[in-house]
Amino acid sequence: MQLVESGGGLVQAGGSLRLSCAASDSSFKDYIMGWFRQAPGFEREFVAAVGKRGTPTYYEESVEGRFIISRDNAKNMVYLHMENLSLDDTAVYYCAANENVWIKGVIQLEGSYDYWGQGTQVTVSA
């Protein structure tokens, strides 16, 4: 399965963006979907995940309450709506697909994801 992210860009601190990720085929509904990000000089980190039918959801602590992950299985799309962005949110954002079952403690791990997009840059300016 191929994944293609879009929606990144330059935004001022306090602003919002919505990232989108398009999957190439209808097996999309059989995957847990996640968003990860990698800031310059840092390792890639988990941001959020959504279950195969749109629930449950799980967020990294620093984004909870500001980011919302959602999916539309009819369109093979997953989204990340980001609000109140800060400089620390600057990173390349990746979507990823995980065909395993939902296990908290595992869904945050890069290694549990089977397919990755190429990423979209989000830059937050002061």
PDB file of N, CA and C in Angstrom:
ATOM      1  N   MET A   1       0.840  -1.179   0.000  1.00  0.00           N
ATOM      2  CA  MET A   1       0.000   0.000   0.000  1.00  0.00           C
ATOM      3  C   MET A   1       0.887   1.244   0.000  1.00  0.00           C
ATOM      4  N   GLN A   2       0.515   2.215  -0.792  1.00  0.00           N
ATOM      5  CA  GLN A   2       1.255   3.477  -0.825  1.00  0.00           C
ATOM      6  C   GLN A   2       0.489   4.545  -0.054  1.00  0.00           C
ATOM      7  N   LEU A   3       1.229   5.393   0.620  1.00  0.00           N
ATOM      8  CA  LEU A   3       0.657   6.475   1.402  1.00  0.00           C
ATOM      9  C   LEU A   3       1.273   7.790   0.945  1.00  0.00           C
ATOM     10  N   VAL A   4       0.434   8.804   0.756  1.00  0.00           N
ATOM     11  CA  VAL A   4       0.919  10.107   0.299  1.00  0.00           C
ATOM     12  C   VAL A   4       0.331  11.186   1.193  1.00  0.00           C
ATOM     13  N   GLU A   5       1.216  11.902   1.879  1.00  0.00           N
ATOM     14  CA  GLU A   5       0.793  12.989   2.759  1.00  0.00           C
ATOM     15  C   GLU A   5       0.698  14.301   1.992  1.00  0.00           C
ATOM     16  N   SER A   6      -0.133  15.188   2.495  1.00  0.00           N
ATOM     17  CA  SER A   6      -0.243  16.540   1.951  1.00  0.00           C
ATOM     18  C   SER A   6      -0.754  17.455   3.049  1.00  0.00           C
ATOM     19  N   GLY A   7      -0.690  18.751   2.769  1.00  0.00           N
ATOM     20  CA  GLY A   7      -1.259  19.718   3.700  1.00  0.00           C
ATOM     21  C   GLY A   7      -0.254  20.437   4.575  1.00  0.00           C
ATOM     22  N   GLY A   8       1.003  20.051   4.496  1.00  0.00           N
ATOM     23  CA  GLY A   8       2.005  20.740   5.280  1.00  0.00           C
ATOM     24  C   GLY A   8       2.261  22.146   4.738  1.00  0.00           C
ATOM     25  N   GLY A   9       3.021  22.912   5.512  1.00  0.00           N
ATOM     26  CA  GLY A   9       3.336  24.263   5.070  1.00  0.00           C
ATOM     27  C   GLY A   9       3.869  25.097   6.198  1.00  0.00           C
ATOM     28  N   LEU A  10       3.896  26.399   5.965  1.00  0.00           N
ATOM     29  CA  LEU A  10       4.384  27.363   6.950  1.00  0.00           C
ATOM     30  C   LEU A  10       3.184  28.010   7.638  1.00  0.00           C
ATOM     31  N   VAL A  11       3.214  28.031   8.957  1.00  0.00           N
ATOM     32  CA  VAL A  11       2.119  28.608   9.726  1.00  0.00           C
ATOM     33  C   VAL A  11       2.690  29.350  10.925  1.00  0.00           C
ATOM     34  N   GLN A  12       2.022  30.392  11.342  1.00  0.00           N
ATOM     35  CA  GLN A  12       2.475  31.126  12.513  1.00  0.00           C
ATOM     36  C   GLN A  12       2.093  30.388  13.790  1.00  0.00           C
ATOM     37  N   ALA A  13       2.868  30.608  14.813  1.00  0.00           N
ATOM     38  CA  ALA A  13       2.548  30.014  16.117  1.00  0.00           C
ATOM     39  C   ALA A  13       1.137  30.423  16.528  1.00  0.00           C
ATOM     40  N   GLY A  14       0.413  29.442  17.050  1.00  0.00           N
ATOM     41  CA  GLY A  14      -0.980  29.671  17.409  1.00  0.00           C
ATOM     42  C   GLY A  14      -1.960  29.327  16.303  1.00  0.00           C
ATOM     43  N   GLY A  15      -1.444  29.107  15.116  1.00  0.00           N
ATOM     44  CA  GLY A  15      -2.300  28.796  13.982  1.00  0.00           C
ATOM     45  C   GLY A  15      -2.641  27.323  13.904  1.00  0.00           C
ATOM     46  N   SER A  16      -3.293  26.949  12.810  1.00  0.00           N
ATOM     47  CA  SER A  16      -3.730  25.578  12.642  1.00  0.00           C
ATOM     48  C   SER A  16      -3.447  25.091  11.218  1.00  0.00           C
ATOM     49  N   LEU A  17      -3.372  23.783  11.083  1.00  0.00           N
ATOM     50  CA  LEU A  17      -3.194  23.119   9.790  1.00  0.00           C
ATOM     51  C   LEU A  17      -3.921  21.788   9.841  1.00  0.00           C
ATOM     52  N   ARG A  18      -4.321  21.309   8.679  1.00  0.00           N
ATOM     53  CA  ARG A  18      -4.850  19.957   8.589  1.00  0.00           C
ATOM     54  C   ARG A  18      -4.007  19.176   7.589  1.00  0.00           C
ATOM     55  N   LEU A  19      -3.409  18.116   8.068  1.00  0.00           N
ATOM     56  CA  LEU A  19      -2.666  17.213   7.207  1.00  0.00           C
ATOM     57  C   LEU A  19      -3.583  16.109   6.708  1.00  0.00           C
ATOM     58  N   SER A  20      -3.329  15.673   5.498  1.00  0.00           N
ATOM     59  CA  SER A  20      -4.085  14.575   4.912  1.00  0.00           C
ATOM     60  C   SER A  20      -3.124  13.490   4.455  1.00  0.00           C
ATOM     61  N   CYS A  21      -3.622  12.276   4.436  1.00  0.00           N
ATOM     62  CA  CYS A  21      -2.821  11.153   3.953  1.00  0.00           C
ATOM     63  C   CYS A  21      -3.742  10.264   3.139  1.00  0.00           C
ATOM     64  N   ALA A  22      -3.382  10.069   1.879  1.00  0.00           N
ATOM     65  CA  ALA A  22      -4.180   9.256   0.971  1.00  0.00           C
ATOM     66  C   ALA A  22      -3.540   7.886   0.807  1.00  0.00           C
ATOM     67  N   ALA A  23      -4.350   6.853   0.990  1.00  0.00           N
ATOM     68  CA  ALA A  23      -3.870   5.487   0.796  1.00  0.00           C
ATOM     69  C   ALA A  23      -4.263   5.007  -0.595  1.00  0.00           C
ATOM     70  N   SER A  24      -3.451   4.102  -1.123  1.00  0.00           N
ATOM     71  CA  SER A  24      -3.614   3.729  -2.531  1.00  0.00           C
ATOM     72  C   SER A  24      -4.687   2.690  -2.791  1.00  0.00           C
ATOM     73  N   ASP A  25      -5.125   1.964  -1.761  1.00  0.00           N
ATOM     74  CA  ASP A  25      -6.135   0.945  -2.044  1.00  0.00           C
ATOM     75  C   ASP A  25      -7.080   0.716  -0.869  1.00  0.00           C
ATOM     76  N   SER A  26      -8.128  -0.036  -1.139  1.00  0.00           N
ATOM     77  CA  SER A  26      -9.218  -0.166  -0.170  1.00  0.00           C
ATOM     78  C   SER A  26      -8.890  -1.062   1.010  1.00  0.00           C
ATOM     79  N   SER A  27      -7.717  -1.689   0.996  1.00  0.00           N
ATOM     80  CA  SER A  27      -7.312  -2.439   2.189  1.00  0.00           C
ATOM     81  C   SER A  27      -7.007  -1.485   3.343  1.00  0.00           C
ATOM     82  N   PHE A  28      -7.039  -0.201   3.048  1.00  0.00           N
ATOM     83  CA  PHE A  28      -6.821   0.852   4.051  1.00  0.00           C
ATOM     84  C   PHE A  28      -7.644   0.610   5.313  1.00  0.00           C
ATOM     85  N   LYS A  29      -8.877   0.145   5.159  1.00  0.00           N
ATOM     86  CA  LYS A  29      -9.777  -0.035   6.295  1.00  0.00           C
ATOM     87  C   LYS A  29      -9.308  -1.140   7.245  1.00  0.00           C
ATOM     88  N   ASP A  30      -8.366  -1.941   6.813  1.00  0.00           N
ATOM     89  CA  ASP A  30      -7.855  -3.038   7.627  1.00  0.00           C
ATOM     90  C   ASP A  30      -6.616  -2.650   8.429  1.00  0.00           C
ATOM     91  N   TYR A  31      -6.267  -1.360   8.386  1.00  0.00           N
ATOM     92  CA  TYR A  31      -5.058  -0.897   9.049  1.00  0.00           C
ATOM     93  C   TYR A  31      -5.346   0.137  10.115  1.00  0.00           C
ATOM     94  N   ILE A  32      -4.687  -0.002  11.234  1.00  0.00           N
ATOM     95  CA  ILE A  32      -4.555   1.110  12.165  1.00  0.00           C
ATOM     96  C   ILE A  32      -3.691   2.152  11.474  1.00  0.00           C
ATOM     97  N   MET A  33      -4.062   3.413  11.614  1.00  0.00           N
ATOM     98  CA  MET A  33      -3.279   4.484  10.990  1.00  0.00           C
ATOM     99  C   MET A  33      -2.665   5.371  12.054  1.00  0.00           C
ATOM    100  N   GLY A  34      -1.437   5.761  11.795  1.00  0.00           N
ATOM    101  CA  GLY A  34      -0.735   6.609  12.737  1.00  0.00           C
ATOM    102  C   GLY A  34      -0.076   7.793  12.051  1.00  0.00           C
ATOM    103  N   TRP A  35       0.186   8.801  12.854  1.00  0.00           N
ATOM    104  CA  TRP A  35       0.999   9.938  12.424  1.00  0.00           C
ATOM    105  C   TRP A  35       2.233   9.985  13.327  1.00  0.00           C
ATOM    106  N   PHE A  36       3.370  10.203  12.700  1.00  0.00           N
ATOM    107  CA  PHE A  36       4.637  10.387  13.392  1.00  0.00           C
ATOM    108  C   PHE A  36       5.248  11.689  12.892  1.00  0.00           C
ATOM    109  N   ARG A  37       6.253  12.168  13.593  1.00  0.00           N
ATOM    110  CA  ARG A  37       6.947  13.367  13.138  1.00  0.00           C
ATOM    111  C   ARG A  37       8.424  13.283  13.502  1.00  0.00           C
ATOM    112  N   GLN A  38       9.223  13.994  12.712  1.00  0.00           N
ATOM    113  CA  GLN A  38      10.657  14.039  12.971  1.00  0.00           C
ATOM    114  C   GLN A  38      11.144  15.466  12.820  1.00  0.00           C
ATOM    115  N   ALA A  39      11.618  16.013  13.920  1.00  0.00           N
ATOM    116  CA  ALA A  39      12.194  17.360  13.913  1.00  0.00           C
ATOM    117  C   ALA A  39      13.689  17.259  13.613  1.00  0.00           C
ATOM    118  N   PRO A  40      14.279  18.324  13.096  1.00  0.00           N
ATOM    119  CA  PRO A  40      15.712  18.304  12.786  1.00  0.00           C
ATOM    120  C   PRO A  40      16.540  17.944  14.012  1.00  0.00           C
ATOM    121  N   GLY A  41      17.424  16.957  13.856  1.00  0.00           N
ATOM    122  CA  GLY A  41      18.301  16.568  14.948  1.00  0.00           C
ATOM    123  C   GLY A  41      17.677  15.629  15.958  1.00  0.00           C
ATOM    124  N   PHE A  42      16.437  15.245  15.715  1.00  0.00           N
ATOM    125  CA  PHE A  42      15.740  14.364  16.649  1.00  0.00           C
ATOM    126  C   PHE A  42      15.288  13.097  15.938  1.00  0.00           C
ATOM    127  N   GLU A  43      15.005  12.080  16.730  1.00  0.00           N
ATOM    128  CA  GLU A  43      14.465  10.850  16.172  1.00  0.00           C
ATOM    129  C   GLU A  43      12.979  11.038  15.858  1.00  0.00           C
ATOM    130  N   ARG A  44      12.491  10.192  14.976  1.00  0.00           N
ATOM    131  CA  ARG A  44      11.070  10.228  14.662  1.00  0.00           C
ATOM    132  C   ARG A  44      10.269   9.800  15.888  1.00  0.00           C
ATOM    133  N   GLU A  45       9.164  10.507  16.132  1.00  0.00           N
ATOM    134  CA  GLU A  45       8.377  10.221  17.313  1.00  0.00           C
ATOM    135  C   GLU A  45       6.896  10.061  16.957  1.00  0.00           C
ATOM    136  N   PHE A  46       6.219   9.296  17.782  1.00  0.00           N
ATOM    137  CA  PHE A  46       4.794   9.058  17.625  1.00  0.00           C
ATOM    138  C   PHE A  46       4.013  10.329  17.940  1.00  0.00           C
ATOM    139  N   VAL A  47       2.942  10.557  17.159  1.00  0.00           N
ATOM    140  CA  VAL A  47       2.066  11.704  17.399  1.00  0.00           C
ATOM    141  C   VAL A  47       0.661  11.236  17.768  1.00  0.00           C
ATOM    142  N   ALA A  48       0.072  10.386  16.913  1.00  0.00           N
ATOM    143  CA  ALA A  48      -1.315   9.975  17.145  1.00  0.00           C
ATOM    144  C   ALA A  48      -1.610   8.720  16.346  1.00  0.00           C
ATOM    145  N   ALA A  49      -2.627   7.981  16.788  1.00  0.00           N
ATOM    146  CA  ALA A  49      -3.071   6.792  16.065  1.00  0.00           C
ATOM    147  C   ALA A  49      -4.586   6.694  16.157  1.00  0.00           C
ATOM    148  N   VAL A  50      -5.155   6.045  15.150  1.00  0.00           N
ATOM    149  CA  VAL A  50      -6.612   5.837  15.107  1.00  0.00           C
ATOM    150  C   VAL A  50      -6.881   4.405  14.694  1.00  0.00           C
ATOM    151  N   GLY A  51      -7.899   3.806  15.353  1.00  0.00           N
ATOM    152  CA  GLY A  51      -8.249   2.437  15.057  1.00  0.00           C
ATOM    153  C   GLY A  51      -8.866   2.275  13.678  1.00  0.00           C
ATOM    154  N   LYS A  52      -9.077   1.000  13.313  1.00  0.00           N
ATOM    155  CA  LYS A  52      -9.471   0.671  11.954  1.00  0.00           C
ATOM    156  C   LYS A  52     -10.838   1.230  11.569  1.00  0.00           C
ATOM    157  N   ARG A  53     -11.719   1.423  12.556  1.00  0.00           N
ATOM    158  CA  ARG A  53     -13.066   1.936  12.263  1.00  0.00           C
ATOM    159  C   ARG A  53     -13.239   3.375  12.748  1.00  0.00           C
ATOM    160  N   GLY A  54     -12.141   4.020  13.083  1.00  0.00           N
ATOM    161  CA  GLY A  54     -12.188   5.414  13.532  1.00  0.00           C
ATOM    162  C   GLY A  54     -12.050   5.587  15.032  1.00  0.00           C
ATOM    163  N   THR A  55     -12.177   4.508  15.738  1.00  0.00           N
ATOM    164  CA  THR A  55     -11.899   4.494  17.180  1.00  0.00           C
ATOM    165  C   THR A  55     -11.167   3.215  17.518  1.00  0.00           C
ATOM    166  N   PRO A  56     -10.438   3.179  18.601  1.00  0.00           N
ATOM    167  CA  PRO A  56     -10.107   4.305  19.479  1.00  0.00           C
ATOM    168  C   PRO A  56      -9.069   5.234  18.841  1.00  0.00           C
ATOM    169  N   THR A  57      -8.746   6.285  19.563  1.00  0.00           N
ATOM    170  CA  THR A  57      -7.657   7.176  19.194  1.00  0.00           C
ATOM    171  C   THR A  57      -6.696   7.288  20.369  1.00  0.00           C
ATOM    172  N   TYR A  58      -5.489   7.647  20.058  1.00  0.00           N
ATOM    173  CA  TYR A  58      -4.469   7.778  21.108  1.00  0.00           C
ATOM    174  C   TYR A  58      -3.483   8.838  20.668  1.00  0.00           C
ATOM    175  N   TYR A  59      -3.063   9.681  21.619  1.00  0.00           N
ATOM    176  CA  TYR A  59      -2.208  10.820  21.310  1.00  0.00           C
ATOM    177  C   TYR A  59      -0.975  10.861  22.199  1.00  0.00           C
ATOM    178  N   GLU A  60       0.083  11.345  21.614  1.00  0.00           N
ATOM    179  CA  GLU A  60       1.256  11.677  22.412  1.00  0.00           C
ATOM    180  C   GLU A  60       0.883  12.823  23.324  1.00  0.00           C
ATOM    181  N   GLU A  61       1.422  12.820  24.522  1.00  0.00           N
ATOM    182  CA  GLU A  61       0.964  13.745  25.554  1.00  0.00           C
ATOM    183  C   GLU A  61       1.049  15.213  25.127  1.00  0.00           C
ATOM    184  N   SER A  62       2.087  15.590  24.420  1.00  0.00           N
ATOM    185  CA  SER A  62       2.285  17.006  24.107  1.00  0.00           C
ATOM    186  C   SER A  62       1.291  17.541  23.071  1.00  0.00           C
ATOM    187  N   VAL A  63       0.603  16.657  22.367  1.00  0.00           N
ATOM    188  CA  VAL A  63      -0.342  17.116  21.352  1.00  0.00           C
ATOM    189  C   VAL A  63      -1.792  16.901  21.762  1.00  0.00           C
ATOM    190  N   GLU A  64      -2.011  16.146  22.825  1.00  0.00           N
ATOM    191  CA  GLU A  64      -3.391  15.861  23.241  1.00  0.00           C
ATOM    192  C   GLU A  64      -4.107  17.157  23.577  1.00  0.00           C
ATOM    193  N   GLY A  65      -5.325  17.281  23.046  1.00  0.00           N
ATOM    194  CA  GLY A  65      -6.089  18.507  23.245  1.00  0.00           C
ATOM    195  C   GLY A  65      -5.860  19.542  22.165  1.00  0.00           C
ATOM    196  N   ARG A  66      -4.801  19.369  21.369  1.00  0.00           N
ATOM    197  CA  ARG A  66      -4.519  20.309  20.268  1.00  0.00           C
ATOM    198  C   ARG A  66      -4.662  19.643  18.898  1.00  0.00           C
ATOM    199  N   PHE A  67      -4.366  18.357  18.828  1.00  0.00           N
ATOM    200  CA  PHE A  67      -4.418  17.618  17.565  1.00  0.00           C
ATOM    201  C   PHE A  67      -5.584  16.632  17.597  1.00  0.00           C
ATOM    202  N   ILE A  68      -6.180  16.417  16.442  1.00  0.00           N
ATOM    203  CA  ILE A  68      -7.234  15.415  16.306  1.00  0.00           C
ATOM    204  C   ILE A  68      -6.937  14.554  15.093  1.00  0.00           C
ATOM    205  N   ILE A  69      -6.886  13.239  15.308  1.00  0.00           N
ATOM    206  CA  ILE A  69      -6.710  12.312  14.201  1.00  0.00           C
ATOM    207  C   ILE A  69      -8.072  11.739  13.840  1.00  0.00           C
ATOM    208  N   SER A  70      -8.309  11.609  12.543  1.00  0.00           N
ATOM    209  CA  SER A  70      -9.565  11.041  12.077  1.00  0.00           C
ATOM    210  C   SER A  70      -9.311  10.327  10.751  1.00  0.00           C
ATOM    211  N   ARG A  71     -10.292   9.545  10.338  1.00  0.00           N
ATOM    212  CA  ARG A  71     -10.142   8.820   9.071  1.00  0.00           C
ATOM    213  C   ARG A  71     -11.487   8.709   8.374  1.00  0.00           C
ATOM    214  N   ASP A  72     -11.403   8.532   7.069  1.00  0.00           N
ATOM    215  CA  ASP A  72     -12.585   8.313   6.244  1.00  0.00           C
ATOM    216  C   ASP A  72     -12.299   7.070   5.406  1.00  0.00           C
ATOM    217  N   ASN A  73     -12.827   5.943   5.827  1.00  0.00           N
ATOM    218  CA  ASN A  73     -12.522   4.695   5.125  1.00  0.00           C
ATOM    219  C   ASN A  73     -13.128   4.643   3.727  1.00  0.00           C
ATOM    220  N   ALA A  74     -14.189   5.393   3.501  1.00  0.00           N
ATOM    221  CA  ALA A  74     -14.793   5.433   2.160  1.00  0.00           C
ATOM    222  C   ALA A  74     -13.878   6.131   1.156  1.00  0.00           C
ATOM    223  N   LYS A  75     -13.031   7.018   1.664  1.00  0.00           N
ATOM    224  CA  LYS A  75     -12.130   7.776   0.795  1.00  0.00           C
ATOM    225  C   LYS A  75     -10.676   7.318   0.931  1.00  0.00           C
ATOM    226  N   ASN A  76     -10.424   6.342   1.788  1.00  0.00           N
ATOM    227  CA  ASN A  76      -9.052   5.876   2.030  1.00  0.00           C
ATOM    228  C   ASN A  76      -8.150   7.017   2.501  1.00  0.00           C
ATOM    229  N   MET A  77      -8.663   7.805   3.437  1.00  0.00           N
ATOM    230  CA  MET A  77      -7.949   8.987   3.898  1.00  0.00           C
ATOM    231  C   MET A  77      -7.835   8.979   5.420  1.00  0.00           C
ATOM    232  N   VAL A  78      -6.718   9.503   5.895  1.00  0.00           N
ATOM    233  CA  VAL A  78      -6.553   9.785   7.313  1.00  0.00           C
ATOM    234  C   VAL A  78      -6.088  11.227   7.433  1.00  0.00           C
ATOM    235  N   TYR A  79      -6.532  11.876   8.494  1.00  0.00           N
ATOM    236  CA  TYR A  79      -6.271  13.301   8.676  1.00  0.00           C
ATOM    237  C   TYR A  79      -5.641  13.559  10.047  1.00  0.00           C
ATOM    238  N   LEU A  80      -4.930  14.668  10.104  1.00  0.00           N
ATOM    239  CA  LEU A  80      -4.443  15.155  11.390  1.00  0.00           C
ATOM    240  C   LEU A  80      -4.733  16.647  11.432  1.00  0.00           C
ATOM    241  N   HIS A  81      -5.720  17.018  12.244  1.00  0.00           N
ATOM    242  CA  HIS A  81      -6.051  18.423  12.417  1.00  0.00           C
ATOM    243  C   HIS A  81      -5.250  18.953  13.597  1.00  0.00           C
ATOM    244  N   MET A  82      -4.484  19.992  13.349  1.00  0.00           N
ATOM    245  CA  MET A  82      -3.568  20.519  14.368  1.00  0.00           C
ATOM    246  C   MET A  82      -3.948  21.958  14.679  1.00  0.00           C
ATOM    247  N   GLU A  83      -4.120  22.238  15.957  1.00  0.00           N
ATOM    248  CA  GLU A  83      -4.465  23.591  16.391  1.00  0.00           C
ATOM    249  C   GLU A  83      -3.437  24.095  17.390  1.00  0.00           C
ATOM    250  N   ASN A  84      -3.453  25.418  17.583  1.00  0.00           N
ATOM    251  CA  ASN A  84      -2.575  26.054  18.565  1.00  0.00           C
ATOM    252  C   ASN A  84      -1.138  25.562  18.405  1.00  0.00           C
ATOM    253  N   LEU A  85      -0.662  25.629  17.186  1.00  0.00           N
ATOM    254  CA  LEU A  85       0.672  25.112  16.883  1.00  0.00           C
ATOM    255  C   LEU A  85       1.754  25.956  17.549  1.00  0.00           C
ATOM    256  N   SER A  86       2.805  25.285  17.963  1.00  0.00           N
ATOM    257  CA  SER A  86       3.946  25.951  18.578  1.00  0.00           C
ATOM    258  C   SER A  86       5.204  25.630  17.791  1.00  0.00           C
ATOM    259  N   LEU A  87       6.274  26.365  18.110  1.00  0.00           N
ATOM    260  CA  LEU A  87       7.541  26.152  17.411  1.00  0.00           C
ATOM    261  C   LEU A  87       7.988  24.696  17.533  1.00  0.00           C
ATOM    262  N   ASP A  88       7.664  24.067  18.656  1.00  0.00           N
ATOM    263  CA  ASP A  88       8.077  22.683  18.891  1.00  0.00           C
ATOM    264  C   ASP A  88       7.371  21.688  17.982  1.00  0.00           C
ATOM    265  N   ASP A  89       6.336  22.126  17.292  1.00  0.00           N
ATOM    266  CA  ASP A  89       5.618  21.235  16.372  1.00  0.00           C
ATOM    267  C   ASP A  89       6.262  21.203  14.982  1.00  0.00           C
ATOM    268  N   THR A  90       7.277  22.042  14.768  1.00  0.00           N
ATOM    269  CA  THR A  90       7.977  22.031  13.485  1.00  0.00           C
ATOM    270  C   THR A  90       8.653  20.678  13.268  1.00  0.00           C
ATOM    271  N   ALA A  91       8.330  20.041  12.151  1.00  0.00           N
ATOM    272  CA  ALA A  91       8.852  18.704  11.873  1.00  0.00           C
ATOM    273  C   ALA A  91       8.349  18.244  10.511  1.00  0.00           C
ATOM    274  N   VAL A  92       8.928  17.157  10.044  1.00  0.00           N
ATOM    275  CA  VAL A  92       8.338  16.423   8.924  1.00  0.00           C
ATOM    276  C   VAL A  92       7.352  15.428   9.519  1.00  0.00           C
ATOM    277  N   TYR A  93       6.134  15.454   9.006  1.00  0.00           N
ATOM    278  CA  TYR A  93       5.071  14.590   9.522  1.00  0.00           C
ATOM    279  C   TYR A  93       4.840  13.443   8.543  1.00  0.00           C
ATOM    280  N   TYR A  94       4.777  12.239   9.100  1.00  0.00           N
ATOM    281  CA  TYR A  94       4.605  11.028   8.311  1.00  0.00           C
ATOM    282  C   TYR A  94       3.333  10.301   8.720  1.00  0.00           C
ATOM    283  N   CYS A  95       2.610   9.783   7.763  1.00  0.00           N
ATOM    284  CA  CYS A  95       1.543   8.856   8.118  1.00  0.00           C
ATOM    285  C   CYS A  95       2.057   7.438   7.888  1.00  0.00           C
ATOM    286  N   ALA A  96       1.467   6.499   8.619  1.00  0.00           N
ATOM    287  CA  ALA A  96       1.915   5.120   8.576  1.00  0.00           C
ATOM    288  C   ALA A  96       0.743   4.187   8.831  1.00  0.00           C
ATOM    289  N   ALA A  97       0.855   2.981   8.298  1.00  0.00           N
ATOM    290  CA  ALA A  97      -0.213   1.986   8.401  1.00  0.00           C
ATOM    291  C   ALA A  97       0.286   0.757   9.149  1.00  0.00           C
ATOM    292  N   ASN A  98      -0.574   0.287  10.051  1.00  0.00           N
ATOM    293  CA  ASN A  98      -0.230  -0.818  10.954  1.00  0.00           C
ATOM    294  C   ASN A  98      -1.321  -1.876  10.839  1.00  0.00           C
ATOM    295  N   GLU A  99      -0.986  -3.088  10.377  1.00  0.00           N
ATOM    296  CA  GLU A  99      -2.009  -4.107  10.152  1.00  0.00           C
ATOM    297  C   GLU A  99      -2.283  -4.979  11.366  1.00  0.00           C
ATOM    298  N   ASN A 100      -1.649  -4.674  12.476  1.00  0.00           N
ATOM    299  CA  ASN A 100      -1.820  -5.492  13.670  1.00  0.00           C
ATOM    300  C   ASN A 100      -3.013  -5.025  14.506  1.00  0.00           C
ATOM    301  N   VAL A 101      -3.223  -5.675  15.619  1.00  0.00           N
ATOM    302  CA  VAL A 101      -4.319  -5.295  16.500  1.00  0.00           C
ATOM    303  C   VAL A 101      -3.891  -4.121  17.357  1.00  0.00           C
ATOM    304  N   TRP A 102      -4.880  -3.428  17.892  1.00  0.00           N
ATOM    305  CA  TRP A 102      -4.641  -2.252  18.710  1.00  0.00           C
ATOM    306  C   TRP A 102      -4.148  -2.686  20.077  1.00  0.00           C
ATOM    307  N   ILE A 103      -2.917  -2.375  20.384  1.00  0.00           N
ATOM    308  CA  ILE A 103      -2.350  -2.641  21.707  1.00  0.00           C
ATOM    309  C   ILE A 103      -1.640  -1.382  22.154  1.00  0.00           C
ATOM    310  N   LYS A 104      -2.176  -0.769  23.201  1.00  0.00           N
ATOM    311  CA  LYS A 104      -1.526   0.428  23.712  1.00  0.00           C
ATOM    312  C   LYS A 104      -0.145   0.032  24.197  1.00  0.00           C
ATOM    313  N   GLY A 105       0.809   0.857  23.910  1.00  0.00           N
ATOM    314  CA  GLY A 105       2.188   0.486  24.230  1.00  0.00           C
ATOM    315  C   GLY A 105       2.906  -0.052  23.016  1.00  0.00           C
ATOM    316  N   VAL A 106       2.124  -0.525  22.035  1.00  0.00           N
ATOM    317  CA  VAL A 106       2.716  -1.019  20.788  1.00  0.00           C
ATOM    318  C   VAL A 106       2.445  -0.066  19.646  1.00  0.00           C
ATOM    319  N   ILE A 107       1.249   0.511  19.603  1.00  0.00           N
ATOM    320  CA  ILE A 107       0.882   1.382  18.482  1.00  0.00           C
ATOM    321  C   ILE A 107       1.739   2.635  18.418  1.00  0.00           C
ATOM    322  N   GLN A 108       2.448   2.964  19.513  1.00  0.00           N
ATOM    323  CA  GLN A 108       3.336   4.118  19.472  1.00  0.00           C
ATOM    324  C   GLN A 108       4.699   3.785  18.869  1.00  0.00           C
ATOM    325  N   LEU A 109       4.940   2.523  18.595  1.00  0.00           N
ATOM    326  CA  LEU A 109       6.254   2.087  18.140  1.00  0.00           C
ATOM    327  C   LEU A 109       6.352   2.093  16.627  1.00  0.00           C
ATOM    328  N   GLU A 110       7.394   2.722  16.130  1.00  0.00           N
ATOM    329  CA  GLU A 110       7.627   2.757  14.684  1.00  0.00           C
ATOM    330  C   GLU A 110       7.641   1.371  14.078  1.00  0.00           C
ATOM    331  N   GLY A 111       8.258   0.450  14.769  1.00  0.00           N
ATOM    332  CA  GLY A 111       8.439  -0.893  14.231  1.00  0.00           C
ATOM    333  C   GLY A 111       7.155  -1.668  14.035  1.00  0.00           C
ATOM    334  N   SER A 112       6.039  -1.196  14.627  1.00  0.00           N
ATOM    335  CA  SER A 112       4.776  -1.908  14.467  1.00  0.00           C
ATOM    336  C   SER A 112       4.030  -1.481  13.200  1.00  0.00           C
ATOM    337  N   TYR A 113       4.567  -0.518  12.469  1.00  0.00           N
ATOM    338  CA  TYR A 113       3.931   0.003  11.262  1.00  0.00           C
ATOM    339  C   TYR A 113       4.583  -0.600  10.028  1.00  0.00           C
ATOM    340  N   ASP A 114       3.732  -0.928   9.070  1.00  0.00           N
ATOM    341  CA  ASP A 114       4.170  -1.679   7.895  1.00  0.00           C
ATOM    342  C   ASP A 114       4.422  -0.813   6.672  1.00  0.00           C
ATOM    343  N   TYR A 115       3.715   0.280   6.562  1.00  0.00           N
ATOM    344  CA  TYR A 115       3.839   1.154   5.402  1.00  0.00           C
ATOM    345  C   TYR A 115       3.962   2.601   5.871  1.00  0.00           C
ATOM    346  N   TRP A 116       4.752   3.364   5.114  1.00  0.00           N
ATOM    347  CA  TRP A 116       5.023   4.760   5.469  1.00  0.00           C
ATOM    348  C   TRP A 116       4.905   5.649   4.226  1.00  0.00           C
ATOM    349  N   GLY A 117       4.446   6.878   4.478  1.00  0.00           N
ATOM    350  CA  GLY A 117       4.513   7.881   3.433  1.00  0.00           C
ATOM    351  C   GLY A 117       5.877   8.549   3.437  1.00  0.00           C
ATOM    352  N   GLN A 118       6.057   9.482   2.520  1.00  0.00           N
ATOM    353  CA  GLN A 118       7.354  10.149   2.397  1.00  0.00           C
ATOM    354  C   GLN A 118       7.447  11.406   3.248  1.00  0.00           C
ATOM    355  N   GLY A 119       6.338  11.816   3.841  1.00  0.00           N
ATOM    356  CA  GLY A 119       6.367  12.933   4.767  1.00  0.00           C
ATOM    357  C   GLY A 119       5.962  14.258   4.152  1.00  0.00           C
ATOM    358  N   THR A 120       5.484  15.154   5.019  1.00  0.00           N
ATOM    359  CA  THR A 120       5.151  16.514   4.621  1.00  0.00           C
ATOM    360  C   THR A 120       5.687  17.455   5.693  1.00  0.00           C
ATOM    361  N   GLN A 121       6.308  18.541   5.251  1.00  0.00           N
ATOM    362  CA  GLN A 121       6.967  19.456   6.181  1.00  0.00           C
ATOM    363  C   GLN A 121       5.957  20.417   6.794  1.00  0.00           C
ATOM    364  N   VAL A 122       6.030  20.543   8.101  1.00  0.00           N
ATOM    365  CA  VAL A 122       5.268  21.555   8.829  1.00  0.00           C
ATOM    366  C   VAL A 122       6.272  22.467   9.522  1.00  0.00           C
ATOM    367  N   THR A 123       6.198  23.742   9.227  1.00  0.00           N
ATOM    368  CA  THR A 123       7.086  24.717   9.841  1.00  0.00           C
ATOM    369  C   THR A 123       6.255  25.762  10.555  1.00  0.00           C
ATOM    370  N   VAL A 124       6.508  25.911  11.841  1.00  0.00           N
ATOM    371  CA  VAL A 124       5.784  26.893  12.646  1.00  0.00           C
ATOM    372  C   VAL A 124       6.731  28.043  12.945  1.00  0.00           C
ATOM    373  N   SER A 125       6.326  29.255  12.608  1.00  0.00           N
ATOM    374  CA  SER A 125       7.164  30.431  12.807  1.00  0.00           C
ATOM    375  C   SER A 125       6.633  31.265  13.962  1.00  0.00           C
ATOM    376  N   ALA A 126       7.552  32.021  14.547  1.00  0.00           N
ATOM    377  CA  ALA A 126       7.176  32.857  15.696  1.00  0.00           C
ATOM    378  C   ALA A 126       6.337  34.050  15.259  1.00  0.00           C
TER     379      ALA A 126
END
